[in-house]
Amino acid sequence: MGIAIAAGDVYFYEVRSPEGYRHLDFKSFPWPEAALDDAREEIDRRSQFLRSAQKPFRDR
């Protein structure tokens, strides 16, 4: 889940996994939608990594 966080006129995002892992990204974004887009890309990257890690080594 990606969450946009407003701090004045700067936005950040936080990613939380179902397992409770929390990742806070302190890159600034010009608007909340940009933070959410970046968070979604981060979630996709992490999900892809976890899926590939679950495959048997010979199938990678």
PDB file of N, CA and C in Angstrom:
ATOM      1  N   MET A   1       0.845  -1.170   0.000  1.00  0.00           N
ATOM      2  CA  MET A   1       0.000   0.000   0.000  1.00  0.00           C
ATOM      3  C   MET A   1       0.889   1.231   0.000  1.00  0.00           C
ATOM      4  N   GLY A   2       0.626   2.164  -0.867  1.00  0.00           N
ATOM      5  CA  GLY A   2       1.354   3.421  -0.900  1.00  0.00           C
ATOM      6  C   GLY A   2       0.524   4.523  -0.282  1.00  0.00           C
ATOM      7  N   ILE A   3       1.134   5.323   0.538  1.00  0.00           N
ATOM      8  CA  ILE A   3       0.442   6.411   1.217  1.00  0.00           C
ATOM      9  C   ILE A   3       1.190   7.703   0.948  1.00  0.00           C
ATOM     10  N   ALA A   4       0.507   8.701   0.429  1.00  0.00           N
ATOM     11  CA  ALA A   4       1.129  10.015   0.237  1.00  0.00           C
ATOM     12  C   ALA A   4       1.067  10.774   1.555  1.00  0.00           C
ATOM     13  N   ILE A   5       2.153  11.432   1.904  1.00  0.00           N
ATOM     14  CA  ILE A   5       2.242  12.176   3.153  1.00  0.00           C
ATOM     15  C   ILE A   5       2.561  13.623   2.818  1.00  0.00           C
ATOM     16  N   ALA A   6       1.732  14.533   3.275  1.00  0.00           N
ATOM     17  CA  ALA A   6       1.949  15.953   2.999  1.00  0.00           C
ATOM     18  C   ALA A   6       2.763  16.577   4.123  1.00  0.00           C
ATOM     19  N   ALA A   7       3.732  17.378   3.747  1.00  0.00           N
ATOM     20  CA  ALA A   7       4.528  18.141   4.711  1.00  0.00           C
ATOM     21  C   ALA A   7       4.675  19.538   4.120  1.00  0.00           C
ATOM     22  N   GLY A   8       3.754  20.404   4.467  1.00  0.00           N
ATOM     23  CA  GLY A   8       3.741  21.719   3.834  1.00  0.00           C
ATOM     24  C   GLY A   8       3.316  21.558   2.391  1.00  0.00           C
ATOM     25  N   ASP A   9       4.128  22.004   1.466  1.00  0.00           N
ATOM     26  CA  ASP A   9       3.796  21.849   0.048  1.00  0.00           C
ATOM     27  C   ASP A   9       4.613  20.742  -0.614  1.00  0.00           C
ATOM     28  N   VAL A  10       5.216  19.875   0.192  1.00  0.00           N
ATOM     29  CA  VAL A  10       6.012  18.762  -0.323  1.00  0.00           C
ATOM     30  C   VAL A  10       5.330  17.462   0.095  1.00  0.00           C
ATOM     31  N   TYR A  11       5.332  16.466  -0.795  1.00  0.00           N
ATOM     32  CA  TYR A  11       4.702  15.189  -0.521  1.00  0.00           C
ATOM     33  C   TYR A  11       5.737  14.073  -0.548  1.00  0.00           C
ATOM     34  N   PHE A  12       5.499  13.081   0.280  1.00  0.00           N
ATOM     35  CA  PHE A  12       6.359  11.910   0.366  1.00  0.00           C
ATOM     36  C   PHE A  12       5.465  10.690   0.242  1.00  0.00           C
ATOM     37  N   TYR A  13       6.063   9.497   0.228  1.00  0.00           N
ATOM     38  CA  TYR A  13       5.209   8.321   0.274  1.00  0.00           C
ATOM     39  C   TYR A  13       5.784   7.282   1.206  1.00  0.00           C
ATOM     40  N   GLU A  14       4.898   6.429   1.679  1.00  0.00           N
ATOM     41  CA  GLU A  14       5.253   5.325   2.560  1.00  0.00           C
ATOM     42  C   GLU A  14       4.691   4.056   1.941  1.00  0.00           C
ATOM     43  N   VAL A  15       5.454   2.975   1.993  1.00  0.00           N
ATOM     44  CA  VAL A  15       5.004   1.678   1.500  1.00  0.00           C
ATOM     45  C   VAL A  15       4.983   0.723   2.680  1.00  0.00           C
ATOM     46  N   ARG A  16       3.868   0.039   2.862  1.00  0.00           N
ATOM     47  CA  ARG A  16       3.759  -0.975   3.919  1.00  0.00           C
ATOM     48  C   ARG A  16       3.366  -2.299   3.285  1.00  0.00           C
ATOM     49  N   SER A  17       4.045  -3.348   3.695  1.00  0.00           N
ATOM     50  CA  SER A  17       3.724  -4.673   3.169  1.00  0.00           C
ATOM     51  C   SER A  17       2.736  -5.357   4.111  1.00  0.00           C
ATOM     52  N   PRO A  18       2.059  -6.401   3.634  1.00  0.00           N
ATOM     53  CA  PRO A  18       1.145  -7.144   4.510  1.00  0.00           C
ATOM     54  C   PRO A  18       1.872  -7.762   5.707  1.00  0.00           C
ATOM     55  N   GLU A  19       3.172  -8.018   5.557  1.00  0.00           N
ATOM     56  CA  GLU A  19       3.945  -8.620   6.644  1.00  0.00           C
ATOM     57  C   GLU A  19       4.361  -7.594   7.690  1.00  0.00           C
ATOM     58  N   GLY A  20       4.059  -6.332   7.448  1.00  0.00           N
ATOM     59  CA  GLY A  20       4.404  -5.294   8.416  1.00  0.00           C
ATOM     60  C   GLY A  20       5.667  -4.525   8.078  1.00  0.00           C
ATOM     61  N   TYR A  21       6.309  -4.852   6.956  1.00  0.00           N
ATOM     62  CA  TYR A  21       7.501  -4.120   6.547  1.00  0.00           C
ATOM     63  C   TYR A  21       7.108  -2.703   6.175  1.00  0.00           C
ATOM     64  N   ARG A  22       7.870  -1.745   6.617  1.00  0.00           N
ATOM     65  CA  ARG A  22       7.557  -0.340   6.348  1.00  0.00           C
ATOM     66  C   ARG A  22       8.745   0.324   5.670  1.00  0.00           C
ATOM     67  N   HIS A  23       8.478   0.994   4.565  1.00  0.00           N
ATOM     68  CA  HIS A  23       9.516   1.710   3.833  1.00  0.00           C
ATOM     69  C   HIS A  23       9.039   3.138   3.630  1.00  0.00           C
ATOM     70  N   LEU A  24       9.800   4.082   4.134  1.00  0.00           N
ATOM     71  CA  LEU A  24       9.473   5.498   3.974  1.00  0.00           C
ATOM     72  C   LEU A  24      10.430   6.088   2.965  1.00  0.00           C
ATOM     73  N   ASP A  25       9.910   6.703   1.941  1.00  0.00           N
ATOM     74  CA  ASP A  25      10.757   7.329   0.935  1.00  0.00           C
ATOM     75  C   ASP A  25      10.658   8.834   1.091  1.00  0.00           C
ATOM     76  N   PHE A  26      11.787   9.467   1.304  1.00  0.00           N
ATOM     77  CA  PHE A  26      11.810  10.895   1.570  1.00  0.00           C
ATOM     78  C   PHE A  26      12.099  11.736   0.337  1.00  0.00           C
ATOM     79  N   LYS A  27      11.882  11.158  -0.844  1.00  0.00           N
ATOM     80  CA  LYS A  27      11.978  11.976  -2.052  1.00  0.00           C
ATOM     81  C   LYS A  27      10.791  12.933  -2.048  1.00  0.00           C
ATOM     82  N   SER A  28      11.017  14.125  -2.497  1.00  0.00           N
ATOM     83  CA  SER A  28       9.896  15.063  -2.555  1.00  0.00           C
ATOM     84  C   SER A  28       9.214  14.968  -3.917  1.00  0.00           C
ATOM     85  N   PHE A  29       7.943  15.271  -3.929  1.00  0.00           N
ATOM     86  CA  PHE A  29       7.133  15.220  -5.136  1.00  0.00           C
ATOM     87  C   PHE A  29       6.331  16.509  -5.229  1.00  0.00           C
ATOM     88  N   PRO A  30       6.050  16.981  -6.440  1.00  0.00           N
ATOM     89  CA  PRO A  30       5.329  18.241  -6.591  1.00  0.00           C
ATOM     90  C   PRO A  30       3.845  18.131  -6.242  1.00  0.00           C
ATOM     91  N   TRP A  31       3.279  16.931  -6.279  1.00  0.00           N
ATOM     92  CA  TRP A  31       1.869  16.749  -5.949  1.00  0.00           C
ATOM     93  C   TRP A  31       1.665  15.321  -5.453  1.00  0.00           C
ATOM     94  N   PRO A  32       0.594  15.051  -4.697  1.00  0.00           N
ATOM     95  CA  PRO A  32       0.400  13.723  -4.103  1.00  0.00           C
ATOM     96  C   PRO A  32       0.270  12.603  -5.125  1.00  0.00           C
ATOM     97  N   GLU A  33      -0.287  12.889  -6.291  1.00  0.00           N
ATOM     98  CA  GLU A  33      -0.436  11.843  -7.305  1.00  0.00           C
ATOM     99  C   GLU A  33       0.918  11.308  -7.756  1.00  0.00           C
ATOM    100  N   ALA A  34       1.904  12.180  -7.845  1.00  0.00           N
ATOM    101  CA  ALA A  34       3.251  11.747  -8.238  1.00  0.00           C
ATOM    102  C   ALA A  34       3.844  10.831  -7.174  1.00  0.00           C
ATOM    103  N   ALA A  35       3.605  11.142  -5.901  1.00  0.00           N
ATOM    104  CA  ALA A  35       4.090  10.283  -4.818  1.00  0.00           C
ATOM    105  C   ALA A  35       3.427   8.912  -4.894  1.00  0.00           C
ATOM    106  N   LEU A  36       2.122   8.883  -5.153  1.00  0.00           N
ATOM    107  CA  LEU A  36       1.420   7.606  -5.258  1.00  0.00           C
ATOM    108  C   LEU A  36       1.892   6.801  -6.460  1.00  0.00           C
ATOM    109  N   ASP A  37       2.125   7.454  -7.585  1.00  0.00           N
ATOM    110  CA  ASP A  37       2.641   6.752  -8.764  1.00  0.00           C
ATOM    111  C   ASP A  37       3.992   6.113  -8.465  1.00  0.00           C
ATOM    112  N   ASP A  38       4.863   6.846  -7.796  1.00  0.00           N
ATOM    113  CA  ASP A  38       6.174   6.313  -7.455  1.00  0.00           C
ATOM    114  C   ASP A  38       6.037   5.156  -6.465  1.00  0.00           C
ATOM    115  N   ALA A  39       5.122   5.290  -5.513  1.00  0.00           N
ATOM    116  CA  ALA A  39       4.892   4.215  -4.541  1.00  0.00           C
ATOM    117  C   ALA A  39       4.398   2.955  -5.243  1.00  0.00           C
ATOM    118  N   ARG A  40       3.503   3.112  -6.205  1.00  0.00           N
ATOM    119  CA  ARG A  40       3.000   1.944  -6.946  1.00  0.00           C
ATOM    120  C   ARG A  40       4.125   1.245  -7.707  1.00  0.00           C
ATOM    121  N   GLU A  41       5.002   2.024  -8.310  1.00  0.00           N
ATOM    122  CA  GLU A  41       6.144   1.429  -9.015  1.00  0.00           C
ATOM    123  C   GLU A  41       7.047   0.678  -8.039  1.00  0.00           C
ATOM    124  N   GLU A  42       7.262   1.247  -6.868  1.00  0.00           N
ATOM    125  CA  GLU A  42       8.084   0.593  -5.841  1.00  0.00           C
ATOM    126  C   GLU A  42       7.443  -0.719  -5.394  1.00  0.00           C
ATOM    127  N   ILE A  43       6.142  -0.713  -5.193  1.00  0.00           N
ATOM    128  CA  ILE A  43       5.430  -1.927  -4.798  1.00  0.00           C
ATOM    129  C   ILE A  43       5.559  -2.985  -5.891  1.00  0.00           C
ATOM    130  N   ASP A  44       5.402  -2.586  -7.144  1.00  0.00           N
ATOM    131  CA  ASP A  44       5.546  -3.532  -8.258  1.00  0.00           C
ATOM    132  C   ASP A  44       6.945  -4.128  -8.303  1.00  0.00           C
ATOM    133  N   ARG A  45       7.972  -3.297  -8.107  1.00  0.00           N
ATOM    134  CA  ARG A  45       9.359  -3.794  -8.108  1.00  0.00           C
ATOM    135  C   ARG A  45       9.576  -4.798  -6.978  1.00  0.00           C
ATOM    136  N   ARG A  46       9.099  -4.470  -5.791  1.00  0.00           N
ATOM    137  CA  ARG A  46       9.279  -5.369  -4.646  1.00  0.00           C
ATOM    138  C   ARG A  46       8.492  -6.659  -4.828  1.00  0.00           C
ATOM    139  N   SER A  47       7.285  -6.564  -5.365  1.00  0.00           N
ATOM    140  CA  SER A  47       6.470  -7.757  -5.598  1.00  0.00           C
ATOM    141  C   SER A  47       7.131  -8.678  -6.613  1.00  0.00           C
ATOM    142  N   GLN A  48       7.655  -8.097  -7.677  1.00  0.00           N
ATOM    143  CA  GLN A  48       8.333  -8.893  -8.700  1.00  0.00           C
ATOM    144  C   GLN A  48       9.555  -9.595  -8.105  1.00  0.00           C
ATOM    145  N   PHE A  49      10.309  -8.898  -7.276  1.00  0.00           N
ATOM    146  CA  PHE A  49      11.475  -9.497  -6.632  1.00  0.00           C
ATOM    147  C   PHE A  49      11.053 -10.671  -5.754  1.00  0.00           C
ATOM    148  N   LEU A  50       9.999 -10.483  -4.954  1.00  0.00           N
ATOM    149  CA  LEU A  50       9.556 -11.554  -4.062  1.00  0.00           C
ATOM    150  C   LEU A  50       9.040 -12.755  -4.846  1.00  0.00           C
ATOM    151  N   ARG A  51       8.327 -12.498  -5.951  1.00  0.00           N
ATOM    152  CA  ARG A  51       7.848 -13.614  -6.772  1.00  0.00           C
ATOM    153  C   ARG A  51       9.015 -14.392  -7.366  1.00  0.00           C
ATOM    154  N   SER A  52      10.040 -13.691  -7.835  1.00  0.00           N
ATOM    155  CA  SER A  52      11.184 -14.390  -8.427  1.00  0.00           C
ATOM    156  C   SER A  52      11.971 -15.141  -7.362  1.00  0.00           C
ATOM    157  N   ALA A  53      11.983 -14.636  -6.142  1.00  0.00           N
ATOM    158  CA  ALA A  53      12.708 -15.309  -5.063  1.00  0.00           C
ATOM    159  C   ALA A  53      12.004 -16.593  -4.644  1.00  0.00           C
ATOM    160  N   GLN A  54      10.712 -16.702  -4.909  1.00  0.00           N
ATOM    161  CA  GLN A  54       9.961 -17.892  -4.527  1.00  0.00           C
ATOM    162  C   GLN A  54      10.083 -19.013  -5.549  1.00  0.00           C
ATOM    163  N   LYS A  55      10.551 -18.713  -6.756  1.00  0.00           N
ATOM    164  CA  LYS A  55      10.710 -19.734  -7.788  1.00  0.00           C
ATOM    165  C   LYS A  55      11.910 -20.616  -7.456  1.00  0.00           C
ATOM    166  N   PRO A  56      11.831 -21.896  -7.808  1.00  0.00           N
ATOM    167  CA  PRO A  56      13.020 -22.739  -7.651  1.00  0.00           C
ATOM    168  C   PRO A  56      14.167 -22.170  -8.478  1.00  0.00           C
ATOM    169  N   PHE A  57      15.383 -22.349  -8.022  1.00  0.00           N
ATOM    170  CA  PHE A  57      16.551 -21.754  -8.666  1.00  0.00           C
ATOM    171  C   PHE A  57      16.644 -22.130 -10.138  1.00  0.00           C
ATOM    172  N   ARG A  58      16.333 -23.372 -10.480  1.00  0.00           N
ATOM    173  CA  ARG A  58      16.462 -23.819 -11.873  1.00  0.00           C
ATOM    174  C   ARG A  58      15.470 -23.130 -12.805  1.00  0.00           C
ATOM    175  N   ASP A  59      14.378 -22.551 -12.269  1.00  0.00           N
ATOM    176  CA  ASP A  59      13.362 -21.893 -13.093  1.00  0.00           C
ATOM    177  C   ASP A  59      13.620 -20.407 -13.283  1.00  0.00           C
ATOM    178  N   ARG A  60      14.659 -19.862 -12.684  1.00  0.00           N
ATOM    179  CA  ARG A  60      14.913 -18.415 -12.781  1.00  0.00           C
ATOM    180  C   ARG A  60      15.587 -18.059 -14.067  1.00  0.00           C
TER     181      ARG A  60
END
